[in-house]
C-alpha atoms as a PDB file:
ATOM      1  CA  MET A   1     295.538  -3.607  81.158  1.00  0.00           C
ATOM      2  CA  GLU A   2     298.678  -5.699  81.121  1.00  0.00           C
ATOM      3  CA  MET A   3     298.503  -9.270  82.459  1.00  0.00           C
ATOM      4  CA  ASN A   4     301.707 -11.102  83.442  1.00  0.00           C
ATOM      5  CA  PHE A   5     300.723 -14.425  84.990  1.00  0.00           C
ATOM      6  CA  CYS A   6     297.983 -16.999  84.414  1.00  0.00           C
ATOM      7  CA  ARG A   7     295.348 -16.888  87.136  1.00  0.00           C
ATOM      8  CA  ARG A   8     294.679 -20.617  86.580  1.00  0.00           C
ATOM      9  CA  CYS A   9     298.203 -22.019  86.906  1.00  0.00           C
ATOM     10  CA  GLY A  10     300.579 -19.121  87.628  1.00  0.00           C
ATOM     11  CA  ALA A  11     302.681 -19.572  84.466  1.00  0.00           C
ATOM     12  CA  PRO A  12     303.938 -16.483  82.595  1.00  0.00           C
ATOM     13  CA  LEU A  13     301.569 -15.133  79.955  1.00  0.00           C
ATOM     14  CA  THR A  14     302.180 -14.242  76.333  1.00  0.00           C
ATOM     15  CA  HIS A  15     300.179 -11.351  74.921  1.00  0.00           C
ATOM     16  CA  LEU A  16     298.498 -12.685  71.772  1.00  0.00           C
ATOM     17  CA  GLN A  17     296.368  -9.748  70.652  1.00  0.00           C
ATOM     18  CA  GLN A  18     294.389  -6.817  72.072  1.00  0.00           C
ATOM     19  CA  HIS A  19     292.982  -8.255  75.352  1.00  0.00           C
ATOM     20  CA  VAL A  20     293.871 -11.953  74.774  1.00  0.00           C
ATOM     21  CA  TYR A  21     296.676 -13.785  76.606  1.00  0.00           C
ATOM     22  CA  GLU A  22     297.938 -17.383  76.685  1.00  0.00           C
ATOM     23  CA  CYS A  23     300.230 -19.253  79.070  1.00  0.00           C
ATOM     24  CA  GLU A  24     302.601 -22.141  78.324  1.00  0.00           C
ATOM     25  CA  ASN A  25     299.878 -24.558  79.505  1.00  0.00           C
ATOM     26  CA  LYS A  26     297.587 -23.267  76.730  1.00  0.00           C
ATOM     27  CA  HIS A  27     295.167 -21.479  79.082  1.00  0.00           C
ATOM     28  CA  ILE A  28     293.561 -18.579  77.238  1.00  0.00           C
ATOM     29  CA  LEU A  29     292.748 -15.500  79.341  1.00  0.00           C
ATOM     30  CA  PHE A  30     290.865 -12.343  78.433  1.00  0.00           C
ATOM     31  CA  ALA A  31     291.562  -8.962  80.040  1.00  0.00           C
ATOM     32  CA  ASN A  32     287.957  -7.746  79.876  1.00  0.00           C
ATOM     33  CA  ALA A  33     286.641  -4.561  81.433  1.00  0.00           C
ATOM     34  CA  SER A  34     284.934  -4.849  84.833  1.00  0.00           C
ATOM     35  CA  PRO A  35     281.263  -3.768  84.794  1.00  0.00           C
ATOM     36  CA  THR A  36     280.164  -0.804  86.890  1.00  0.00           C
ATOM     37  CA  VAL A  37     276.938   1.162  87.321  1.00  0.00           C
ATOM     38  CA  GLY A  38     276.405   4.836  87.958  1.00  0.00           C
ATOM     39  CA  ILE A  39     273.362   7.026  88.444  1.00  0.00           C
ATOM     40  CA  PHE A  40     272.820  10.778  88.224  1.00  0.00           C
ATOM     41  CA  PHE A  41     269.992  12.420  90.167  1.00  0.00           C
ATOM     42  CA  VAL A  42     268.457  15.433  88.439  1.00  0.00           C
ATOM     43  CA  THR A  43     266.057  17.886  90.090  1.00  0.00           C
ATOM     44  CA  GLU A  44     263.030  19.417  88.343  1.00  0.00           C
ATOM     45  CA  ASP A  45     265.037  22.624  87.761  1.00  0.00           C
ATOM     46  CA  ASN A  46     267.940  20.700  86.137  1.00  0.00           C
ATOM     47  CA  GLN A  47     270.317  20.587  89.066  1.00  0.00           C
ATOM     48  CA  VAL A  48     272.413  17.411  89.131  1.00  0.00           C
ATOM     49  CA  LEU A  49     273.602  15.761  92.334  1.00  0.00           C
ATOM     50  CA  LEU A  50     277.058  14.218  92.260  1.00  0.00           C
ATOM     51  CA  SER A  51     279.109  12.186  94.685  1.00  0.00           C
ATOM     52  CA  VAL A  52     282.296  13.616  96.147  1.00  0.00           C
ATOM     53  CA  ARG A  53     284.679  10.658  96.353  1.00  0.00           C
ATOM     54  CA  GLY A  54     285.660   9.891  99.937  1.00  0.00           C
ATOM     55  CA  ILE A  55     288.390   7.361  99.168  1.00  0.00           C
ATOM     56  CA  GLU A  56     291.148   6.764  96.663  1.00  0.00           C
ATOM     57  CA  PRO A  57     291.414   6.538  93.779  1.00  0.00           C
ATOM     58  CA  ARG A  58     290.830  10.191  92.993  1.00  0.00           C
ATOM     59  CA  LYS A  59     289.593  11.144  96.439  1.00  0.00           C
ATOM     60  CA  GLY A  60     287.749  14.481  96.424  1.00  0.00           C
ATOM     61  CA  MET A  61     286.788  14.370  92.765  1.00  0.00           C
ATOM     62  CA  LEU A  62     283.201  14.278  91.498  1.00  0.00           C
ATOM     63  CA  ASP A  63     281.555  11.015  90.508  1.00  0.00           C
ATOM     64  CA  SER A  64     278.199   9.439  89.821  1.00  0.00           C
ATOM     65  CA  PHE A  65     276.672   7.424  92.651  1.00  0.00           C
ATOM     66  CA  GLY A  66     277.396   3.738  92.062  1.00  0.00           C
ATOM     67  CA  GLY A  67     280.185   1.230  91.826  1.00  0.00           C
ATOM     68  CA  PHE A  68     281.204  -2.223  90.691  1.00  0.00           C
ATOM     69  CA  VAL A  69     278.630  -4.841  89.748  1.00  0.00           C
ATOM     70  CA  ASP A  70     278.894  -7.822  92.130  1.00  0.00           C
ATOM     71  CA  GLY A  71     279.223 -11.239  90.465  1.00  0.00           C
ATOM     72  CA  ALA A  72     276.308 -12.004  88.145  1.00  0.00           C
ATOM     73  CA  GLU A  73     274.196  -9.159  89.555  1.00  0.00           C
ATOM     74  CA  PRO A  74     271.804  -7.470  87.067  1.00  0.00           C
ATOM     75  CA  LEU A  75     272.568  -3.781  86.465  1.00  0.00           C
ATOM     76  CA  GLU A  76     269.276  -2.596  88.000  1.00  0.00           C
ATOM     77  CA  VAL A  77     269.948  -4.600  91.170  1.00  0.00           C
ATOM     78  CA  ALA A  78     273.483  -3.187  91.347  1.00  0.00           C
ATOM     79  CA  VAL A  79     272.133   0.385  91.104  1.00  0.00           C
ATOM     80  CA  ALA A  80     269.637  -0.218  93.933  1.00  0.00           C
ATOM     81  CA  ARG A  81     272.311  -1.880  96.115  1.00  0.00           C
ATOM     82  CA  GLU A  82     274.819   0.917  95.536  1.00  0.00           C
ATOM     83  CA  LEU A  83     272.236   3.622  96.329  1.00  0.00           C
ATOM     84  CA  GLU A  84     271.403   1.928  99.603  1.00  0.00           C
ATOM     85  CA  GLU A  85     275.109   1.538 100.463  1.00  0.00           C
ATOM     86  CA  GLU A  86     276.130   5.058  99.470  1.00  0.00           C
ATOM     87  CA  LEU A  87     273.065   7.160 100.377  1.00  0.00           C
ATOM     88  CA  GLY A  88     270.774   4.961 102.506  1.00  0.00           C
ATOM     89  CA  LEU A  89     268.098   5.104  99.768  1.00  0.00           C
ATOM     90  CA  LYS A  90     265.401   2.521  99.071  1.00  0.00           C
ATOM     91  CA  PRO A  91     263.813   2.127  95.593  1.00  0.00           C
ATOM     92  CA  GLY A  92     260.727   4.086  96.738  1.00  0.00           C
ATOM     93  CA  ASP A  93     262.962   7.109  97.418  1.00  0.00           C
ATOM     94  CA  TYR A  94     263.599   7.787  93.696  1.00  0.00           C
ATOM     95  CA  THR A  95     261.899   7.312  90.350  1.00  0.00           C
ATOM     96  CA  ALA A  96     262.686   4.159  88.402  1.00  0.00           C
ATOM     97  CA  PRO A  97     266.223   4.564  87.009  1.00  0.00           C
ATOM     98  CA  GLU A  98     266.252   5.225  83.269  1.00  0.00           C
ATOM     99  CA  TYR A  99     269.141   3.883  81.203  1.00  0.00           C
ATOM    100  CA  LEU A 100     271.246   6.733  79.804  1.00  0.00           C
ATOM    101  CA  THR A 101     274.466   5.491  78.175  1.00  0.00           C
ATOM    102  CA  SER A 102     277.598   3.433  78.681  1.00  0.00           C
ATOM    103  CA  GLY A 103     281.212   4.495  78.782  1.00  0.00           C
ATOM    104  CA  VAL A 104     284.699   3.081  79.177  1.00  0.00           C
ATOM    105  CA  GLY A 105     286.941   4.315  81.942  1.00  0.00           C
ATOM    106  CA  ASN A 106     290.132   3.510  83.811  1.00  0.00           C
ATOM    107  CA  TYR A 107     290.211   2.655  87.503  1.00  0.00           C
ATOM    108  CA  PRO A 108     293.625   2.857  89.176  1.00  0.00           C
ATOM    109  CA  TYR A 109     293.907   0.072  91.738  1.00  0.00           C
ATOM    110  CA  LYS A 110     297.151  -0.599  93.600  1.00  0.00           C
ATOM    111  CA  ASN A 111     299.847  -0.846  90.898  1.00  0.00           C
ATOM    112  CA  GLU A 112     297.630  -1.295  87.859  1.00  0.00           C
ATOM    113  CA  VAL A 113     294.934   0.495  85.915  1.00  0.00           C
ATOM    114  CA  LEU A 114     291.831  -1.612  85.399  1.00  0.00           C
ATOM    115  CA  PRO A 115     289.526  -1.011  82.442  1.00  0.00           C
ATOM    116  CA  ILE A 116     285.898  -0.532  83.478  1.00  0.00           C
ATOM    117  CA  LEU A 117     282.687  -0.554  81.468  1.00  0.00           C
ATOM    118  CA  SER A 118     280.184   1.808  83.086  1.00  0.00           C
ATOM    119  CA  SER A 119     276.432   1.674  82.532  1.00  0.00           C
ATOM    120  CA  PHE A 120     274.804   4.985  83.467  1.00  0.00           C
ATOM    121  CA  PHE A 121     271.238   5.694  84.556  1.00  0.00           C
ATOM    122  CA  TRP A 122     269.420   8.840  85.665  1.00  0.00           C
ATOM    123  CA  SER A 123     266.532   9.411  88.036  1.00  0.00           C
ATOM    124  CA  ARG A 124     264.672  11.997  90.102  1.00  0.00           C
ATOM    125  CA  LEU A 125     264.743  11.913  93.897  1.00  0.00           C
ATOM    126  CA  LEU A 126     261.463  11.629  95.805  1.00  0.00           C
ATOM    127  CA  THR A 127     263.115  12.419  99.150  1.00  0.00           C
ATOM    128  CA  ASN A 128     265.601  14.928 100.524  1.00  0.00           C
ATOM    129  CA  ASN A 129     266.849  12.512 103.180  1.00  0.00           C
ATOM    130  CA  LEU A 130     270.273  11.677 101.737  1.00  0.00           C
ATOM    131  CA  GLN A 131     272.930  10.270 104.048  1.00  0.00           C
ATOM    132  CA  PRO A 132     276.413  10.167 102.470  1.00  0.00           C
ATOM    133  CA  GLN A 133     278.106   6.944 103.580  1.00  0.00           C
ATOM    134  CA  ASP A 134     280.424   4.196 102.342  1.00  0.00           C
ATOM    135  CA  ASP A 135     282.808   5.855  99.852  1.00  0.00           C
ATOM    136  CA  VAL A 136     280.740   9.067  99.451  1.00  0.00           C
ATOM    137  CA  ALA A 137     282.299  11.939 101.417  1.00  0.00           C
ATOM    138  CA  ASP A 138     279.717  14.519 100.411  1.00  0.00           C
ATOM    139  CA  ILE A 139     277.067  15.426  97.839  1.00  0.00           C
ATOM    140  CA  ALA A 140     277.695  18.272  95.398  1.00  0.00           C
ATOM    141  CA  THR A 141     274.924  20.011  93.448  1.00  0.00           C
ATOM    142  CA  TYR A 142     275.498  21.808  90.140  1.00  0.00           C
ATOM    143  CA  SER A 143     273.404  23.233  87.381  1.00  0.00           C
ATOM    144  CA  LEU A 144     273.378  20.486  84.738  1.00  0.00           C
ATOM    145  CA  ALA A 145     274.504  23.070  82.190  1.00  0.00           C
ATOM    146  CA  GLU A 146     277.502  24.068  84.328  1.00  0.00           C
ATOM    147  CA  VAL A 147     278.988  20.826  85.697  1.00  0.00           C
ATOM    148  CA  PRO A 148     282.774  21.350  86.001  1.00  0.00           C
ATOM    149  CA  LEU A 149     283.930  18.536  83.709  1.00  0.00           C
ATOM    150  CA  GLU A 150     287.547  18.916  84.847  1.00  0.00           C
ATOM    151  CA  LYS A 151     286.486  17.897  88.381  1.00  0.00           C
ATOM    152  CA  LEU A 152     284.900  14.602  87.227  1.00  0.00           C
ATOM    153  CA  HIS A 153     287.055  11.656  88.165  1.00  0.00           C
ATOM    154  CA  ASP A 154     287.248   9.870  84.787  1.00  0.00           C
ATOM    155  CA  GLU A 155     286.313  10.024  81.111  1.00  0.00           C
ATOM    156  CA  ASP A 156     283.355   7.641  81.500  1.00  0.00           C
ATOM    157  CA  ILE A 157     281.750  10.082  83.983  1.00  0.00           C
ATOM    158  CA  VAL A 158     282.395  12.986  81.588  1.00  0.00           C
ATOM    159  CA  HIS A 159     280.688  11.012  78.816  1.00  0.00           C
ATOM    160  CA  GLY A 160     277.732  10.259  81.115  1.00  0.00           C
ATOM    161  CA  ILE A 161     277.278  13.936  82.053  1.00  0.00           C
ATOM    162  CA  LYS A 162     277.576  15.099  78.427  1.00  0.00           C
ATOM    163  CA  THR A 163     274.944  12.541  77.398  1.00  0.00           C
ATOM    164  CA  LEU A 164     272.662  13.695  80.227  1.00  0.00           C
ATOM    165  CA  GLN A 165     273.110  17.310  79.127  1.00  0.00           C
ATOM    166  CA  GLN A 166     272.163  16.414  75.543  1.00  0.00           C
ATOM    167  CA  LYS A 167     269.079  14.568  76.769  1.00  0.00           C
ATOM    168  CA  LEU A 168     267.731  17.139  79.240  1.00  0.00           C
ATOM    169  CA  LEU A 169     268.982  20.556  78.098  1.00  0.00           C
END
């Protein structure tokens, strides 16, 4: 991610190293990745449910259910909030999410690409009453062994699926 202006004073920034910038007023800024959460639902016969993205970026591609962590929200709270927003699910509708892995991805937004740090979980559904909403256009189901990796919307999702395959297959 390239930063051009100081968010504190508006002065031009100088790129010091890696993700560190400084303006003429000596404000130091860090271009850190934004935290996200994602969850994969797996059935007893190793089918995985994936989100079909309903909005840009990468509309129509496959994704985990989830999204950006809000403020100082704990990851587990973010997962529960996102599942309610995207599928209308309450925590009693799925088993307790189990941490799986993390991955780094890129999220195109307007005229820049933002680095994201994704924390992935997996769970089993206890209901069949899923209601795609928010940015979920549809729900796709694949054999975990045969997920089309080329249809996943970013490298962090690919990493999450490959880790899930190693764990459950």
